[in-house]
Amino acid sequence: MIYLVDDDAEELEILEETLRQYGYEGQISTARDGEEVMRVLRSDPVHKPDLLLLDLNMPLKDGFEVLAEIKSDAALRDIVVVVLTASSNKTDEERCRSLGCDYFFTKPSRMEEYQTLISFIRELV
């Protein structure tokens, strides 16, 4: 299962469609904010996702907070977290890595870049 977490509905739609186009047949769940995804993850840690694709800038609880909570929770820390953000700030990347993210990507601006990203993600799950 892949969990997509982003407050931008269009971004979620593009990611899900591209995953399906590239043959991902597993379950895809989505959340629009950090509080929602943490509530779901904590309610059923047995059926956790294989990979969480996480935006940083979200309402209620941002991606940094979500990442810190996941990686500090023994029941959740083995989830592969891929940060996908509009930020190209090296400080954000360094902070994410220090919090335990597995991979960090700047959001693609062209469809070909989405395809490359999704191909990489498909290799992980």
N, C-alpha and C. Protein backbone atom coordinates (compact mmCIF):
# COMPACT_ATOMS: atom_id res chain seq x y z
N MET A 1 0.83 -1.18 0.00
CA MET A 1 0.00 0.00 0.00
C MET A 1 0.88 1.25 0.00
N ILE A 2 0.45 2.23 -0.76
CA ILE A 2 1.11 3.53 -0.80
C ILE A 2 0.15 4.56 -0.23
N TYR A 3 0.67 5.42 0.62
CA TYR A 3 -0.13 6.51 1.20
C TYR A 3 0.39 7.82 0.65
N LEU A 4 -0.47 8.59 0.00
CA LEU A 4 -0.13 9.90 -0.56
C LEU A 4 -0.67 10.98 0.37
N VAL A 5 0.20 11.89 0.81
CA VAL A 5 -0.21 12.92 1.75
C VAL A 5 0.16 14.29 1.18
N ASP A 6 -0.87 15.04 0.79
CA ASP A 6 -0.66 16.37 0.20
C ASP A 6 -1.96 17.14 0.32
N ASP A 7 -1.88 18.43 0.59
CA ASP A 7 -3.10 19.23 0.70
C ASP A 7 -3.63 19.68 -0.65
N ASP A 8 -2.90 19.40 -1.71
CA ASP A 8 -3.29 19.79 -3.07
C ASP A 8 -3.97 18.61 -3.76
N ALA A 9 -5.29 18.71 -3.95
CA ALA A 9 -6.07 17.62 -4.56
C ALA A 9 -5.58 17.28 -5.95
N GLU A 10 -5.18 18.28 -6.72
CA GLU A 10 -4.69 18.03 -8.08
C GLU A 10 -3.39 17.23 -8.05
N GLU A 11 -2.52 17.55 -7.12
CA GLU A 11 -1.26 16.81 -6.96
C GLU A 11 -1.53 15.34 -6.62
N LEU A 12 -2.47 15.12 -5.71
CA LEU A 12 -2.84 13.74 -5.34
C LEU A 12 -3.36 12.98 -6.55
N GLU A 13 -4.18 13.63 -7.35
CA GLU A 13 -4.76 13.00 -8.54
C GLU A 13 -3.67 12.64 -9.55
N ILE A 14 -2.74 13.55 -9.79
CA ILE A 14 -1.65 13.29 -10.74
C ILE A 14 -0.81 12.11 -10.26
N LEU A 15 -0.46 12.10 -8.99
CA LEU A 15 0.37 11.02 -8.44
C LEU A 15 -0.34 9.68 -8.55
N GLU A 16 -1.60 9.65 -8.17
CA GLU A 16 -2.35 8.40 -8.22
C GLU A 16 -2.50 7.90 -9.66
N GLU A 17 -2.84 8.79 -10.57
CA GLU A 17 -2.99 8.40 -11.98
C GLU A 17 -1.67 7.89 -12.56
N THR A 18 -0.59 8.56 -12.24
CA THR A 18 0.71 8.14 -12.77
C THR A 18 1.14 6.80 -12.18
N LEU A 19 0.87 6.58 -10.91
CA LEU A 19 1.16 5.27 -10.31
C LEU A 19 0.39 4.17 -11.04
N ARG A 20 -0.88 4.41 -11.30
CA ARG A 20 -1.70 3.40 -11.99
C ARG A 20 -1.21 3.19 -13.42
N GLN A 21 -0.84 4.27 -14.11
CA GLN A 21 -0.33 4.15 -15.48
C GLN A 21 0.94 3.31 -15.52
N TYR A 22 1.73 3.39 -14.46
CA TYR A 22 2.97 2.64 -14.42
C TYR A 22 2.82 1.28 -13.75
N GLY A 23 1.58 0.81 -13.67
CA GLY A 23 1.34 -0.57 -13.29
C GLY A 23 1.19 -0.85 -11.82
N TYR A 24 1.12 0.15 -10.98
CA TYR A 24 0.92 -0.13 -9.56
C TYR A 24 -0.52 -0.56 -9.35
N GLU A 25 -0.71 -1.76 -8.85
CA GLU A 25 -2.05 -2.31 -8.66
C GLU A 25 -2.46 -2.40 -7.21
N GLY A 26 -1.57 -2.00 -6.32
CA GLY A 26 -1.86 -2.07 -4.89
C GLY A 26 -2.79 -0.96 -4.44
N GLN A 27 -3.08 -0.98 -3.16
CA GLN A 27 -3.97 0.02 -2.58
C GLN A 27 -3.24 1.36 -2.50
N ILE A 28 -3.96 2.43 -2.82
CA ILE A 28 -3.47 3.79 -2.67
C ILE A 28 -4.45 4.53 -1.77
N SER A 29 -3.95 5.08 -0.68
CA SER A 29 -4.76 5.89 0.21
C SER A 29 -4.24 7.31 0.17
N THR A 30 -5.11 8.25 0.48
CA THR A 30 -4.70 9.65 0.46
C THR A 30 -5.15 10.36 1.73
N ALA A 31 -4.41 11.41 2.07
CA ALA A 31 -4.78 12.30 3.17
C ALA A 31 -4.44 13.71 2.74
N ARG A 32 -5.22 14.67 3.21
CA ARG A 32 -5.04 16.07 2.83
C ARG A 32 -4.30 16.89 3.88
N ASP A 33 -4.00 16.29 5.04
CA ASP A 33 -3.24 17.00 6.06
C ASP A 33 -2.55 16.00 6.98
N GLY A 34 -1.61 16.51 7.76
CA GLY A 34 -0.81 15.65 8.62
C GLY A 34 -1.57 15.02 9.76
N GLU A 35 -2.54 15.73 10.31
CA GLU A 35 -3.33 15.16 11.40
C GLU A 35 -4.12 13.95 10.92
N GLU A 36 -4.67 14.04 9.73
CA GLU A 36 -5.46 12.94 9.18
C GLU A 36 -4.61 11.69 9.00
N VAL A 37 -3.45 11.83 8.40
CA VAL A 37 -2.62 10.65 8.15
C VAL A 37 -2.13 10.04 9.46
N MET A 38 -1.78 10.86 10.45
CA MET A 38 -1.31 10.30 11.71
C MET A 38 -2.44 9.60 12.45
N ARG A 39 -3.64 10.13 12.38
CA ARG A 39 -4.79 9.49 13.01
C ARG A 39 -5.02 8.10 12.39
N VAL A 40 -4.94 8.02 11.07
CA VAL A 40 -5.15 6.75 10.38
C VAL A 40 -4.02 5.76 10.70
N LEU A 41 -2.77 6.23 10.64
CA LEU A 41 -1.64 5.34 10.91
C LEU A 41 -1.67 4.78 12.33
N ARG A 42 -2.01 5.62 13.27
CA ARG A 42 -2.03 5.18 14.67
C ARG A 42 -3.24 4.29 14.98
N SER A 43 -4.31 4.43 14.20
CA SER A 43 -5.51 3.62 14.46
C SER A 43 -5.33 2.17 14.01
N ASP A 44 -4.39 1.93 13.10
CA ASP A 44 -4.18 0.57 12.59
C ASP A 44 -2.71 0.35 12.19
N PRO A 45 -1.80 0.31 13.18
CA PRO A 45 -0.38 0.16 12.85
C PRO A 45 -0.03 -1.19 12.25
N VAL A 46 -0.93 -2.15 12.33
CA VAL A 46 -0.67 -3.47 11.73
C VAL A 46 -0.74 -3.40 10.22
N HIS A 47 -1.69 -2.63 9.69
CA HIS A 47 -1.88 -2.50 8.25
C HIS A 47 -1.31 -1.18 7.75
N LYS A 48 -0.08 -0.94 8.06
CA LYS A 48 0.55 0.32 7.67
C LYS A 48 1.02 0.26 6.21
N PRO A 49 1.21 1.42 5.60
CA PRO A 49 1.64 1.43 4.20
C PRO A 49 3.09 0.99 4.05
N ASP A 50 3.42 0.52 2.86
CA ASP A 50 4.81 0.19 2.54
C ASP A 50 5.61 1.46 2.31
N LEU A 51 4.91 2.49 1.81
CA LEU A 51 5.57 3.74 1.45
C LEU A 51 4.61 4.90 1.68
N LEU A 52 5.14 5.99 2.21
CA LEU A 52 4.36 7.21 2.41
C LEU A 52 5.02 8.32 1.62
N LEU A 53 4.28 8.91 0.72
CA LEU A 53 4.76 10.03 -0.10
C LEU A 53 4.21 11.29 0.56
N LEU A 54 5.10 12.13 1.09
CA LEU A 54 4.73 13.19 2.02
C LEU A 54 5.13 14.57 1.54
N ASP A 55 4.14 15.47 1.50
CA ASP A 55 4.40 16.88 1.25
C ASP A 55 4.82 17.53 2.57
N LEU A 56 5.56 18.63 2.50
CA LEU A 56 5.98 19.33 3.72
C LEU A 56 5.00 20.41 4.15
N ASN A 57 4.52 21.20 3.21
CA ASN A 57 3.68 22.35 3.54
C ASN A 57 2.21 21.97 3.49
N MET A 58 1.67 21.68 4.68
CA MET A 58 0.27 21.29 4.79
C MET A 58 -0.35 21.96 6.01
N PRO A 59 -1.68 22.06 6.02
CA PRO A 59 -2.34 22.65 7.19
C PRO A 59 -2.40 21.65 8.35
N LEU A 60 -2.69 22.17 9.51
CA LEU A 60 -2.91 21.44 10.75
C LEU A 60 -1.64 20.80 11.31
N LYS A 61 -0.96 20.00 10.53
CA LYS A 61 0.30 19.38 10.94
C LYS A 61 1.14 19.25 9.69
N ASP A 62 2.30 19.89 9.67
CA ASP A 62 3.11 19.88 8.45
C ASP A 62 3.90 18.58 8.31
N GLY A 63 4.55 18.44 7.17
CA GLY A 63 5.28 17.22 6.87
C GLY A 63 6.45 16.96 7.81
N PHE A 64 7.09 18.01 8.31
CA PHE A 64 8.18 17.82 9.27
C PHE A 64 7.66 17.16 10.54
N GLU A 65 6.50 17.63 11.01
CA GLU A 65 5.91 17.04 12.21
C GLU A 65 5.51 15.59 11.98
N VAL A 66 4.90 15.32 10.83
CA VAL A 66 4.49 13.95 10.50
C VAL A 66 5.71 13.04 10.44
N LEU A 67 6.75 13.49 9.75
CA LEU A 67 7.97 12.70 9.63
C LEU A 67 8.57 12.40 11.00
N ALA A 68 8.67 13.42 11.85
CA ALA A 68 9.22 13.23 13.19
C ALA A 68 8.40 12.23 14.00
N GLU A 69 7.07 12.32 13.91
CA GLU A 69 6.21 11.40 14.65
C GLU A 69 6.33 9.97 14.14
N ILE A 70 6.38 9.80 12.83
CA ILE A 70 6.50 8.45 12.27
C ILE A 70 7.81 7.81 12.68
N LYS A 71 8.88 8.54 12.53
CA LYS A 71 10.21 7.95 12.78
C LYS A 71 10.52 7.80 14.27
N SER A 72 9.73 8.43 15.14
CA SER A 72 9.94 8.25 16.58
C SER A 72 8.97 7.22 17.18
N ASP A 73 8.10 6.66 16.37
CA ASP A 73 7.12 5.67 16.82
C ASP A 73 7.60 4.28 16.41
N ALA A 74 7.87 3.44 17.38
CA ALA A 74 8.41 2.10 17.10
C ALA A 74 7.51 1.29 16.17
N ALA A 75 6.21 1.51 16.23
CA ALA A 75 5.27 0.75 15.39
C ALA A 75 5.23 1.26 13.95
N LEU A 76 5.73 2.47 13.71
CA LEU A 76 5.61 3.08 12.39
C LEU A 76 6.94 3.38 11.72
N ARG A 77 8.03 3.39 12.46
CA ARG A 77 9.30 3.91 11.94
C ARG A 77 9.85 3.17 10.73
N ASP A 78 9.40 1.95 10.48
CA ASP A 78 9.92 1.22 9.32
C ASP A 78 9.19 1.57 8.01
N ILE A 79 8.20 2.45 8.07
CA ILE A 79 7.53 2.91 6.84
C ILE A 79 8.55 3.73 6.04
N VAL A 80 8.68 3.43 4.76
CA VAL A 80 9.55 4.22 3.89
C VAL A 80 8.86 5.56 3.63
N VAL A 81 9.54 6.65 3.99
CA VAL A 81 8.97 7.98 3.80
C VAL A 81 9.75 8.71 2.70
N VAL A 82 9.01 9.06 1.65
CA VAL A 82 9.55 9.84 0.54
C VAL A 82 8.94 11.23 0.64
N VAL A 83 9.78 12.23 0.90
CA VAL A 83 9.30 13.60 0.95
C VAL A 83 9.26 14.13 -0.48
N LEU A 84 8.11 14.68 -0.85
CA LEU A 84 7.91 15.27 -2.18
C LEU A 84 7.36 16.66 -1.95
N THR A 85 8.17 17.68 -2.18
CA THR A 85 7.81 19.04 -1.81
C THR A 85 8.15 20.05 -2.89
N ALA A 86 7.48 21.17 -2.84
CA ALA A 86 7.79 22.27 -3.76
C ALA A 86 9.08 22.97 -3.36
N SER A 87 9.53 22.73 -2.15
CA SER A 87 10.73 23.39 -1.65
C SER A 87 11.99 22.81 -2.27
N SER A 88 12.86 23.70 -2.72
CA SER A 88 14.18 23.26 -3.18
C SER A 88 15.25 23.76 -2.22
N ASN A 89 14.83 24.12 -1.03
CA ASN A 89 15.69 24.64 0.01
C ASN A 89 16.53 23.50 0.62
N LYS A 90 17.83 23.63 0.57
CA LYS A 90 18.73 22.60 1.10
C LYS A 90 18.53 22.40 2.60
N THR A 91 18.15 23.48 3.30
CA THR A 91 17.90 23.37 4.74
C THR A 91 16.72 22.44 5.00
N ASP A 92 15.67 22.53 4.18
CA ASP A 92 14.53 21.62 4.33
C ASP A 92 14.95 20.18 4.10
N GLU A 93 15.76 19.96 3.07
CA GLU A 93 16.23 18.60 2.81
C GLU A 93 17.07 18.08 3.97
N GLU A 94 17.98 18.89 4.48
CA GLU A 94 18.82 18.47 5.60
C GLU A 94 17.98 18.16 6.83
N ARG A 95 16.98 19.00 7.09
CA ARG A 95 16.10 18.76 8.24
C ARG A 95 15.34 17.45 8.08
N CYS A 96 14.82 17.20 6.87
CA CYS A 96 14.11 15.94 6.61
C CYS A 96 15.02 14.74 6.82
N ARG A 97 16.21 14.82 6.32
CA ARG A 97 17.15 13.70 6.48
C ARG A 97 17.49 13.48 7.96
N SER A 98 17.64 14.59 8.71
CA SER A 98 17.94 14.44 10.13
C SER A 98 16.76 13.84 10.90
N LEU A 99 15.55 14.04 10.40
CA LEU A 99 14.35 13.46 11.02
C LEU A 99 14.11 12.01 10.58
N GLY A 100 14.86 11.55 9.57
CA GLY A 100 14.77 10.15 9.18
C GLY A 100 14.11 9.85 7.86
N CYS A 101 13.86 10.87 7.01
CA CYS A 101 13.23 10.55 5.72
C CYS A 101 14.18 9.67 4.91
N ASP A 102 13.59 8.83 4.11
CA ASP A 102 14.38 7.90 3.30
C ASP A 102 14.82 8.52 1.98
N TYR A 103 13.96 9.34 1.39
CA TYR A 103 14.26 10.00 0.11
C TYR A 103 13.61 11.38 0.11
N PHE A 104 14.23 12.31 -0.61
CA PHE A 104 13.74 13.69 -0.68
C PHE A 104 13.76 14.12 -2.13
N PHE A 105 12.60 14.60 -2.64
CA PHE A 105 12.49 15.06 -4.01
C PHE A 105 11.75 16.38 -4.07
N THR A 106 12.15 17.24 -4.99
CA THR A 106 11.40 18.44 -5.30
C THR A 106 10.31 18.03 -6.30
N LYS A 107 9.11 18.59 -6.11
CA LYS A 107 7.99 18.23 -6.98
C LYS A 107 8.34 18.51 -8.44
N PRO A 108 8.03 17.57 -9.30
CA PRO A 108 8.30 17.75 -10.73
C PRO A 108 7.48 18.88 -11.33
N SER A 109 8.02 19.48 -12.37
CA SER A 109 7.28 20.53 -13.06
C SER A 109 6.77 20.05 -14.43
N ARG A 110 7.27 18.91 -14.89
CA ARG A 110 6.82 18.36 -16.18
C ARG A 110 6.41 16.90 -15.99
N MET A 111 5.54 16.44 -16.85
CA MET A 111 5.03 15.07 -16.75
C MET A 111 6.15 14.04 -16.85
N GLU A 112 7.15 14.30 -17.67
CA GLU A 112 8.26 13.36 -17.81
C GLU A 112 8.98 13.17 -16.47
N GLU A 113 9.06 14.26 -15.69
CA GLU A 113 9.70 14.17 -14.38
C GLU A 113 8.84 13.34 -13.42
N TYR A 114 7.51 13.48 -13.51
CA TYR A 114 6.62 12.65 -12.70
C TYR A 114 6.83 11.18 -13.05
N GLN A 115 6.96 10.89 -14.31
CA GLN A 115 7.14 9.50 -14.74
C GLN A 115 8.44 8.93 -14.18
N THR A 116 9.50 9.72 -14.17
CA THR A 116 10.77 9.27 -13.61
C THR A 116 10.63 9.02 -12.11
N LEU A 117 9.97 9.93 -11.42
CA LEU A 117 9.74 9.78 -9.99
C LEU A 117 8.93 8.53 -9.70
N ILE A 118 7.85 8.33 -10.43
CA ILE A 118 6.99 7.17 -10.20
C ILE A 118 7.72 5.87 -10.52
N SER A 119 8.55 5.87 -11.52
CA SER A 119 9.35 4.68 -11.83
C SER A 119 10.25 4.34 -10.64
N PHE A 120 10.85 5.35 -10.04
CA PHE A 120 11.69 5.15 -8.87
C PHE A 120 10.86 4.57 -7.71
N ILE A 121 9.70 5.16 -7.46
CA ILE A 121 8.84 4.69 -6.38
C ILE A 121 8.39 3.26 -6.61
N ARG A 122 8.10 2.92 -7.85
CA ARG A 122 7.69 1.55 -8.19
C ARG A 122 8.78 0.54 -7.84
N GLU A 123 10.03 0.96 -7.94
CA GLU A 123 11.14 0.08 -7.56
C GLU A 123 11.18 -0.17 -6.05
N LEU A 124 10.63 0.76 -5.28
CA LEU A 124 10.65 0.64 -3.81
C LEU A 124 9.55 -0.23 -3.26
N VAL A 125 8.43 -0.35 -3.99
CA VAL A 125 7.29 -1.13 -3.46
C VAL A 125 7.02 -2.35 -4.29
